[in-house]
Amino acid sequence: DAFDTIVMLITSFTQKLRPLRPEPYQVLVSEVHRRVLIEYVRPLLQARLVCTSAKMRARVAARLGDEARQLRELFGRLVSTGPLPVTR
């Protein structure tokens, strides 16, 4: 689905940042994180989400929770792995 594609694209993009030094890497990862959250949350806040049943509410809540967990894990991994070691 679209969310999985976004996660794959972010992972691919940030892999290209790994050769950077630690400070620019962290700045760019932080900016990617900020932009992803803005673009993810904006439609949730702008559109009215209408759930016609408790079952539908539970499914939507589970999906949003799962996507939030995936984003947390993704950006946690990016911060913890950091850039490649600098060799001189």
PDB file of N, CA and C in Angstrom:
ATOM      1  N   ASP A   1       0.828  -1.186   0.000  1.00  0.00           N
ATOM      2  CA  ASP A   1       0.000   0.000   0.000  1.00  0.00           C
ATOM      3  C   ASP A   1       0.873   1.251   0.000  1.00  0.00           C
ATOM      4  N   ALA A   2       0.251   2.406  -0.047  1.00  0.00           N
ATOM      5  CA  ALA A   2       0.979   3.672  -0.187  1.00  0.00           C
ATOM      6  C   ALA A   2       1.920   3.929   0.984  1.00  0.00           C
ATOM      7  N   PHE A   3       1.495   3.587   2.187  1.00  0.00           N
ATOM      8  CA  PHE A   3       2.333   3.829   3.360  1.00  0.00           C
ATOM      9  C   PHE A   3       3.622   3.015   3.284  1.00  0.00           C
ATOM     10  N   ASP A   4       3.526   1.762   2.887  1.00  0.00           N
ATOM     11  CA  ASP A   4       4.719   0.915   2.759  1.00  0.00           C
ATOM     12  C   ASP A   4       5.678   1.477   1.711  1.00  0.00           C
ATOM     13  N   THR A   5       5.125   2.012   0.634  1.00  0.00           N
ATOM     14  CA  THR A   5       5.952   2.630  -0.403  1.00  0.00           C
ATOM     15  C   THR A   5       6.688   3.839   0.156  1.00  0.00           C
ATOM     16  N   ILE A   6       5.999   4.642   0.949  1.00  0.00           N
ATOM     17  CA  ILE A   6       6.625   5.816   1.562  1.00  0.00           C
ATOM     18  C   ILE A   6       7.766   5.393   2.475  1.00  0.00           C
ATOM     19  N   VAL A   7       7.549   4.382   3.288  1.00  0.00           N
ATOM     20  CA  VAL A   7       8.598   3.895   4.196  1.00  0.00           C
ATOM     21  C   VAL A   7       9.802   3.407   3.392  1.00  0.00           C
ATOM     22  N   MET A   8       9.565   2.693   2.306  1.00  0.00           N
ATOM     23  CA  MET A   8      10.673   2.209   1.468  1.00  0.00           C
ATOM     24  C   MET A   8      11.436   3.375   0.846  1.00  0.00           C
ATOM     25  N   LEU A   9      10.721   4.399   0.377  1.00  0.00           N
ATOM     26  CA  LEU A   9      11.378   5.562  -0.224  1.00  0.00           C
ATOM     27  C   LEU A   9      12.210   6.328   0.802  1.00  0.00           C
ATOM     28  N   ILE A  10      11.690   6.484   2.003  1.00  0.00           N
ATOM     29  CA  ILE A  10      12.439   7.172   3.064  1.00  0.00           C
ATOM     30  C   ILE A  10      13.701   6.389   3.393  1.00  0.00           C
ATOM     31  N   THR A  11      13.569   5.081   3.517  1.00  0.00           N
ATOM     32  CA  THR A  11      14.724   4.235   3.820  1.00  0.00           C
ATOM     33  C   THR A  11      15.771   4.351   2.724  1.00  0.00           C
ATOM     34  N   SER A  12      15.336   4.298   1.483  1.00  0.00           N
ATOM     35  CA  SER A  12      16.260   4.413   0.356  1.00  0.00           C
ATOM     36  C   SER A  12      16.945   5.775   0.348  1.00  0.00           C
ATOM     37  N   PHE A  13      16.185   6.834   0.554  1.00  0.00           N
ATOM     38  CA  PHE A  13      16.743   8.186   0.557  1.00  0.00           C
ATOM     39  C   PHE A  13      17.765   8.358   1.677  1.00  0.00           C
ATOM     40  N   THR A  14      17.427   7.897   2.867  1.00  0.00           N
ATOM     41  CA  THR A  14      18.339   8.097   3.991  1.00  0.00           C
ATOM     42  C   THR A  14      19.592   7.235   3.871  1.00  0.00           C
ATOM     43  N   GLN A  15      19.517   6.125   3.142  1.00  0.00           N
ATOM     44  CA  GLN A  15      20.727   5.331   2.902  1.00  0.00           C
ATOM     45  C   GLN A  15      21.739   6.149   2.105  1.00  0.00           C
ATOM     46  N   LYS A  16      21.236   7.007   1.225  1.00  0.00           N
ATOM     47  CA  LYS A  16      22.124   7.866   0.441  1.00  0.00           C
ATOM     48  C   LYS A  16      22.780   8.944   1.300  1.00  0.00           C
ATOM     49  N   LEU A  17      22.208   9.220   2.465  1.00  0.00           N
ATOM     50  CA  LEU A  17      22.775  10.226   3.373  1.00  0.00           C
ATOM     51  C   LEU A  17      23.868   9.651   4.263  1.00  0.00           C
ATOM     52  N   ARG A  18      23.976   8.342   4.347  1.00  0.00           N
ATOM     53  CA  ARG A  18      24.896   7.709   5.296  1.00  0.00           C
ATOM     54  C   ARG A  18      26.357   8.108   5.131  1.00  0.00           C
ATOM     55  N   PRO A  19      26.838   8.414   3.915  1.00  0.00           N
ATOM     56  CA  PRO A  19      28.245   8.823   3.807  1.00  0.00           C
ATOM     57  C   PRO A  19      28.538  10.201   4.424  1.00  0.00           C
ATOM     58  N   LEU A  20      27.511  10.936   4.805  1.00  0.00           N
ATOM     59  CA  LEU A  20      27.729  12.266   5.381  1.00  0.00           C
ATOM     60  C   LEU A  20      28.374  12.182   6.762  1.00  0.00           C
ATOM     61  N   ARG A  21      28.943  13.281   7.175  1.00  0.00           N
ATOM     62  CA  ARG A  21      29.463  13.385   8.541  1.00  0.00           C
ATOM     63  C   ARG A  21      28.278  13.380   9.508  1.00  0.00           C
ATOM     64  N   PRO A  22      28.525  13.062  10.794  1.00  0.00           N
ATOM     65  CA  PRO A  22      27.417  12.917  11.751  1.00  0.00           C
ATOM     66  C   PRO A  22      26.491  14.133  11.870  1.00  0.00           C
ATOM     67  N   GLU A  23      27.047  15.338  11.955  1.00  0.00           N
ATOM     68  CA  GLU A  23      26.180  16.504  12.173  1.00  0.00           C
ATOM     69  C   GLU A  23      25.234  16.766  10.999  1.00  0.00           C
ATOM     70  N   PRO A  24      25.735  16.841   9.755  1.00  0.00           N
ATOM     71  CA  PRO A  24      24.794  17.042   8.637  1.00  0.00           C
ATOM     72  C   PRO A  24      23.801  15.884   8.491  1.00  0.00           C
ATOM     73  N   TYR A  25      24.255  14.672   8.779  1.00  0.00           N
ATOM     74  CA  TYR A  25      23.366  13.511   8.709  1.00  0.00           C
ATOM     75  C   TYR A  25      22.195  13.683   9.674  1.00  0.00           C
ATOM     76  N   GLN A  26      22.504  14.034  10.927  1.00  0.00           N
ATOM     77  CA  GLN A  26      21.454  14.193  11.932  1.00  0.00           C
ATOM     78  C   GLN A  26      20.493  15.321  11.562  1.00  0.00           C
ATOM     79  N   VAL A  27      21.031  16.415  11.036  1.00  0.00           N
ATOM     80  CA  VAL A  27      20.183  17.542  10.632  1.00  0.00           C
ATOM     81  C   VAL A  27      19.226  17.101   9.524  1.00  0.00           C
ATOM     82  N   LEU A  28      19.743  16.400   8.529  1.00  0.00           N
ATOM     83  CA  LEU A  28      18.899  15.962   7.417  1.00  0.00           C
ATOM     84  C   LEU A  28      17.876  14.915   7.849  1.00  0.00           C
ATOM     85  N   VAL A  29      18.276  13.970   8.690  1.00  0.00           N
ATOM     86  CA  VAL A  29      17.328  12.964   9.177  1.00  0.00           C
ATOM     87  C   VAL A  29      16.238  13.646  10.002  1.00  0.00           C
ATOM     88  N   SER A  30      16.614  14.619  10.816  1.00  0.00           N
ATOM     89  CA  SER A  30      15.618  15.357  11.606  1.00  0.00           C
ATOM     90  C   SER A  30      14.640  16.099  10.702  1.00  0.00           C
ATOM     91  N   GLU A  31      15.153  16.698   9.641  1.00  0.00           N
ATOM     92  CA  GLU A  31      14.280  17.429   8.711  1.00  0.00           C
ATOM     93  C   GLU A  31      13.365  16.468   7.954  1.00  0.00           C
ATOM     94  N   VAL A  32      13.881  15.322   7.540  1.00  0.00           N
ATOM     95  CA  VAL A  32      13.036  14.318   6.877  1.00  0.00           C
ATOM     96  C   VAL A  32      11.942  13.865   7.840  1.00  0.00           C
ATOM     97  N   HIS A  33      12.301  13.616   9.085  1.00  0.00           N
ATOM     98  CA  HIS A  33      11.338  13.199  10.106  1.00  0.00           C
ATOM     99  C   HIS A  33      10.239  14.252  10.263  1.00  0.00           C
ATOM    100  N   ARG A  34      10.641  15.505  10.383  1.00  0.00           N
ATOM    101  CA  ARG A  34       9.686  16.603  10.556  1.00  0.00           C
ATOM    102  C   ARG A  34       8.732  16.688   9.362  1.00  0.00           C
ATOM    103  N   ARG A  35       9.286  16.624   8.144  1.00  0.00           N
ATOM    104  CA  ARG A  35       8.453  16.741   6.947  1.00  0.00           C
ATOM    105  C   ARG A  35       7.497  15.550   6.803  1.00  0.00           C
ATOM    106  N   VAL A  36       7.978  14.362   7.103  1.00  0.00           N
ATOM    107  CA  VAL A  36       7.116  13.175   7.013  1.00  0.00           C
ATOM    108  C   VAL A  36       5.956  13.311   7.990  1.00  0.00           C
ATOM    109  N   LEU A  37       6.244  13.730   9.212  1.00  0.00           N
ATOM    110  CA  LEU A  37       5.169  13.870  10.191  1.00  0.00           C
ATOM    111  C   LEU A  37       4.170  14.943   9.780  1.00  0.00           C
ATOM    112  N   ILE A  38       4.666  16.067   9.279  1.00  0.00           N
ATOM    113  CA  ILE A  38       3.758  17.130   8.831  1.00  0.00           C
ATOM    114  C   ILE A  38       2.855  16.614   7.717  1.00  0.00           C
ATOM    115  N   GLU A  39       3.450  15.968   6.728  1.00  0.00           N
ATOM    116  CA  GLU A  39       2.666  15.490   5.586  1.00  0.00           C
ATOM    117  C   GLU A  39       1.757  14.320   5.956  1.00  0.00           C
ATOM    118  N   TYR A  40       2.110  13.575   6.982  1.00  0.00           N
ATOM    119  CA  TYR A  40       1.282  12.453   7.427  1.00  0.00           C
ATOM    120  C   TYR A  40       0.105  12.947   8.264  1.00  0.00           C
ATOM    121  N   VAL A  41       0.382  13.887   9.167  1.00  0.00           N
ATOM    122  CA  VAL A  41      -0.643  14.351  10.107  1.00  0.00           C
ATOM    123  C   VAL A  41      -1.597  15.363   9.467  1.00  0.00           C
ATOM    124  N   ARG A  42      -1.099  16.193   8.564  1.00  0.00           N
ATOM    125  CA  ARG A  42      -1.940  17.242   7.963  1.00  0.00           C
ATOM    126  C   ARG A  42      -3.256  16.702   7.405  1.00  0.00           C
ATOM    127  N   PRO A  43      -3.242  15.665   6.566  1.00  0.00           N
ATOM    128  CA  PRO A  43      -4.525  15.175   6.042  1.00  0.00           C
ATOM    129  C   PRO A  43      -5.433  14.607   7.136  1.00  0.00           C
ATOM    130  N   LEU A  44      -4.837  14.057   8.175  1.00  0.00           N
ATOM    131  CA  LEU A  44      -5.652  13.519   9.268  1.00  0.00           C
ATOM    132  C   LEU A  44      -6.398  14.635   9.987  1.00  0.00           C
ATOM    133  N   LEU A  45      -5.757  15.789  10.108  1.00  0.00           N
ATOM    134  CA  LEU A  45      -6.377  16.913  10.798  1.00  0.00           C
ATOM    135  C   LEU A  45      -7.319  17.701   9.892  1.00  0.00           C
ATOM    136  N   GLN A  46      -7.052  17.725   8.603  1.00  0.00           N
ATOM    137  CA  GLN A  46      -7.864  18.527   7.683  1.00  0.00           C
ATOM    138  C   GLN A  46      -9.142  17.816   7.250  1.00  0.00           C
ATOM    139  N   ALA A  47      -9.069  16.531   7.084  1.00  0.00           N
ATOM    140  CA  ALA A  47     -10.243  15.789   6.618  1.00  0.00           C
ATOM    141  C   ALA A  47     -11.040  15.285   7.814  1.00  0.00           C
ATOM    142  N   ARG A  48     -12.311  15.244   7.621  1.00  0.00           N
ATOM    143  CA  ARG A  48     -13.158  14.694   8.669  1.00  0.00           C
ATOM    144  C   ARG A  48     -13.249  13.187   8.451  1.00  0.00           C
ATOM    145  N   LEU A  49     -12.834  12.452   9.443  1.00  0.00           N
ATOM    146  CA  LEU A  49     -12.829  10.998   9.358  1.00  0.00           C
ATOM    147  C   LEU A  49     -14.137  10.483   9.948  1.00  0.00           C
ATOM    148  N   VAL A  50     -14.965   9.881   9.123  1.00  0.00           N
ATOM    149  CA  VAL A  50     -16.264   9.399   9.570  1.00  0.00           C
ATOM    150  C   VAL A  50     -16.236   7.877   9.619  1.00  0.00           C
ATOM    151  N   CYS A  51     -16.390   7.360  10.808  1.00  0.00           N
ATOM    152  CA  CYS A  51     -16.462   5.908  11.003  1.00  0.00           C
ATOM    153  C   CYS A  51     -17.911   5.565  11.329  1.00  0.00           C
ATOM    154  N   THR A  52     -18.491   4.694  10.535  1.00  0.00           N
ATOM    155  CA  THR A  52     -19.914   4.395  10.680  1.00  0.00           C
ATOM    156  C   THR A  52     -20.208   3.282  11.681  1.00  0.00           C
ATOM    157  N   SER A  53     -19.156   2.662  12.197  1.00  0.00           N
ATOM    158  CA  SER A  53     -19.386   1.596  13.171  1.00  0.00           C
ATOM    159  C   SER A  53     -18.187   1.490  14.109  1.00  0.00           C
ATOM    160  N   ALA A  54     -18.406   0.818  15.204  1.00  0.00           N
ATOM    161  CA  ALA A  54     -17.321   0.593  16.163  1.00  0.00           C
ATOM    162  C   ALA A  54     -16.229  -0.266  15.534  1.00  0.00           C
ATOM    163  N   LYS A  55     -16.634  -1.206  14.692  1.00  0.00           N
ATOM    164  CA  LYS A  55     -15.665  -2.076  14.028  1.00  0.00           C
ATOM    165  C   LYS A  55     -14.765  -1.257  13.098  1.00  0.00           C
ATOM    166  N   MET A  56     -15.356  -0.330  12.369  1.00  0.00           N
ATOM    167  CA  MET A  56     -14.579   0.521  11.473  1.00  0.00           C
ATOM    168  C   MET A  56     -13.636   1.421  12.274  1.00  0.00           C
ATOM    169  N   ARG A  57     -14.122   1.985  13.391  1.00  0.00           N
ATOM    170  CA  ARG A  57     -13.269   2.809  14.259  1.00  0.00           C
ATOM    171  C   ARG A  57     -12.085   2.005  14.764  1.00  0.00           C
ATOM    172  N   ALA A  58     -12.331   0.773  15.143  1.00  0.00           N
ATOM    173  CA  ALA A  58     -11.257  -0.088  15.649  1.00  0.00           C
ATOM    174  C   ALA A  58     -10.229  -0.365  14.555  1.00  0.00           C
ATOM    175  N   ARG A  59     -10.700  -0.614  13.331  1.00  0.00           N
ATOM    176  CA  ARG A  59      -9.776  -0.859  12.215  1.00  0.00           C
ATOM    177  C   ARG A  59      -8.931   0.373  11.912  1.00  0.00           C
ATOM    178  N   VAL A  60      -9.569   1.541  11.876  1.00  0.00           N
ATOM    179  CA  VAL A  60      -8.840   2.788  11.600  1.00  0.00           C
ATOM    180  C   VAL A  60      -7.828   3.052  12.707  1.00  0.00           C
ATOM    181  N   ALA A  61      -8.247   2.876  13.950  1.00  0.00           N
ATOM    182  CA  ALA A  61      -7.340   3.097  15.084  1.00  0.00           C
ATOM    183  C   ALA A  61      -6.158   2.130  15.033  1.00  0.00           C
ATOM    184  N   ALA A  62      -6.423   0.879  14.698  1.00  0.00           N
ATOM    185  CA  ALA A  62      -5.346  -0.113  14.609  1.00  0.00           C
ATOM    186  C   ALA A  62      -4.373   0.244  13.491  1.00  0.00           C
ATOM    187  N   ARG A  63      -4.904   0.683  12.364  1.00  0.00           N
ATOM    188  CA  ARG A  63      -4.035   1.041  11.232  1.00  0.00           C
ATOM    189  C   ARG A  63      -3.182   2.261  11.571  1.00  0.00           C
ATOM    190  N   LEU A  64      -3.795   3.292  12.146  1.00  0.00           N
ATOM    191  CA  LEU A  64      -3.033   4.484  12.529  1.00  0.00           C
ATOM    192  C   LEU A  64      -1.976   4.137  13.576  1.00  0.00           C
ATOM    193  N   GLY A  65      -2.328   3.287  14.517  1.00  0.00           N
ATOM    194  CA  GLY A  65      -1.363   2.855  15.529  1.00  0.00           C
ATOM    195  C   GLY A  65      -0.208   2.085  14.919  1.00  0.00           C
ATOM    196  N   ASP A  66      -0.515   1.222  13.963  1.00  0.00           N
ATOM    197  CA  ASP A  66       0.526   0.444  13.290  1.00  0.00           C
ATOM    198  C   ASP A  66       1.444   1.347  12.477  1.00  0.00           C
ATOM    199  N   GLU A  67       0.866   2.302  11.763  1.00  0.00           N
ATOM    200  CA  GLU A  67       1.684   3.223  10.978  1.00  0.00           C
ATOM    201  C   GLU A  67       2.553   4.093  11.887  1.00  0.00           C
ATOM    202  N   ALA A  68       2.004   4.533  13.010  1.00  0.00           N
ATOM    203  CA  ALA A  68       2.789   5.330  13.967  1.00  0.00           C
ATOM    204  C   ALA A  68       3.965   4.509  14.495  1.00  0.00           C
ATOM    205  N   ARG A  69       3.716   3.244  14.810  1.00  0.00           N
ATOM    206  CA  ARG A  69       4.783   2.365  15.301  1.00  0.00           C
ATOM    207  C   ARG A  69       5.869   2.201  14.246  1.00  0.00           C
ATOM    208  N   GLN A  70       5.467   2.001  12.990  1.00  0.00           N
ATOM    209  CA  GLN A  70       6.441   1.836  11.909  1.00  0.00           C
ATOM    210  C   GLN A  70       7.299   3.086  11.736  1.00  0.00           C
ATOM    211  N   LEU A  71       6.677   4.265  11.805  1.00  0.00           N
ATOM    212  CA  LEU A  71       7.444   5.512  11.681  1.00  0.00           C
ATOM    213  C   LEU A  71       8.401   5.683  12.857  1.00  0.00           C
ATOM    214  N   ARG A  72       7.925   5.378  14.068  1.00  0.00           N
ATOM    215  CA  ARG A  72       8.783   5.467  15.260  1.00  0.00           C
ATOM    216  C   ARG A  72       9.991   4.552  15.117  1.00  0.00           C
ATOM    217  N   GLU A  73       9.754   3.319  14.693  1.00  0.00           N
ATOM    218  CA  GLU A  73      10.850   2.359  14.513  1.00  0.00           C
ATOM    219  C   GLU A  73      11.807   2.812  13.413  1.00  0.00           C
ATOM    220  N   LEU A  74      11.259   3.290  12.307  1.00  0.00           N
ATOM    221  CA  LEU A  74      12.087   3.732  11.187  1.00  0.00           C
ATOM    222  C   LEU A  74      13.015   4.862  11.613  1.00  0.00           C
ATOM    223  N   PHE A  75      12.464   5.908  12.203  1.00  0.00           N
ATOM    224  CA  PHE A  75      13.304   7.045  12.574  1.00  0.00           C
ATOM    225  C   PHE A  75      14.188   6.728  13.773  1.00  0.00           C
ATOM    226  N   GLY A  76      13.752   5.849  14.651  1.00  0.00           N
ATOM    227  CA  GLY A  76      14.623   5.393  15.737  1.00  0.00           C
ATOM    228  C   GLY A  76      15.835   4.658  15.194  1.00  0.00           C
ATOM    229  N   ARG A  77      15.606   3.830  14.191  1.00  0.00           N
ATOM    230  CA  ARG A  77      16.693   3.093  13.542  1.00  0.00           C
ATOM    231  C   ARG A  77      17.644   4.052  12.831  1.00  0.00           C
ATOM    232  N   LEU A  78      17.101   5.042  12.143  1.00  0.00           N
ATOM    233  CA  LEU A  78      17.936   5.996  11.410  1.00  0.00           C
ATOM    234  C   LEU A  78      18.819   6.798  12.355  1.00  0.00           C
ATOM    235  N   VAL A  79      18.273   7.191  13.487  1.00  0.00           N
ATOM    236  CA  VAL A  79      19.054   7.965  14.455  1.00  0.00           C
ATOM    237  C   VAL A  79      20.103   7.084  15.112  1.00  0.00           C
ATOM    238  N   SER A  80      19.736   5.846  15.454  1.00  0.00           N
ATOM    239  CA  SER A  80      20.680   4.984  16.171  1.00  0.00           C
ATOM    240  C   SER A  80      21.801   4.458  15.277  1.00  0.00           C
ATOM    241  N   THR A  81      21.506   4.201  14.001  1.00  0.00           N
ATOM    242  CA  THR A  81      22.566   3.695  13.127  1.00  0.00           C
ATOM    243  C   THR A  81      23.497   4.811  12.710  1.00  0.00           C
ATOM    244  N   GLY A  82      22.954   5.988  12.495  1.00  0.00           N
ATOM    245  CA  GLY A  82      23.781   7.139  12.144  1.00  0.00           C
ATOM    246  C   GLY A  82      24.500   6.957  10.826  1.00  0.00           C
ATOM    247  N   PRO A  83      25.353   7.923  10.527  1.00  0.00           N
ATOM    248  CA  PRO A  83      26.100   7.856   9.267  1.00  0.00           C
ATOM    249  C   PRO A  83      27.191   6.803   9.337  1.00  0.00           C
ATOM    250  N   LEU A  84      27.794   6.539   8.201  1.00  0.00           N
ATOM    251  CA  LEU A  84      28.925   5.609   8.149  1.00  0.00           C
ATOM    252  C   LEU A  84      30.110   6.220   8.886  1.00  0.00           C
ATOM    253  N   PRO A  85      30.955   5.401   9.494  1.00  0.00           N
ATOM    254  CA  PRO A  85      32.141   5.938  10.165  1.00  0.00           C
ATOM    255  C   PRO A  85      33.033   6.689   9.176  1.00  0.00           C
ATOM    256  N   VAL A  86      33.599   7.781   9.648  1.00  0.00           N
ATOM    257  CA  VAL A  86      34.478   8.592   8.799  1.00  0.00           C
ATOM    258  C   VAL A  86      35.867   7.979   8.812  1.00  0.00           C
ATOM    259  N   THR A  87      36.404   7.719   7.622  1.00  0.00           N
ATOM    260  CA  THR A  87      37.774   7.205   7.524  1.00  0.00           C
ATOM    261  C   THR A  87      38.616   8.248   6.825  1.00  0.00           C
ATOM    262  N   ARG A  88      39.820   8.390   7.268  1.00  0.00           N
ATOM    263  CA  ARG A  88      40.708   9.406   6.671  1.00  0.00           C
ATOM    264  C   ARG A  88      41.880   8.760   6.023  1.00  0.00           C
TER     265      ARG A  88
END
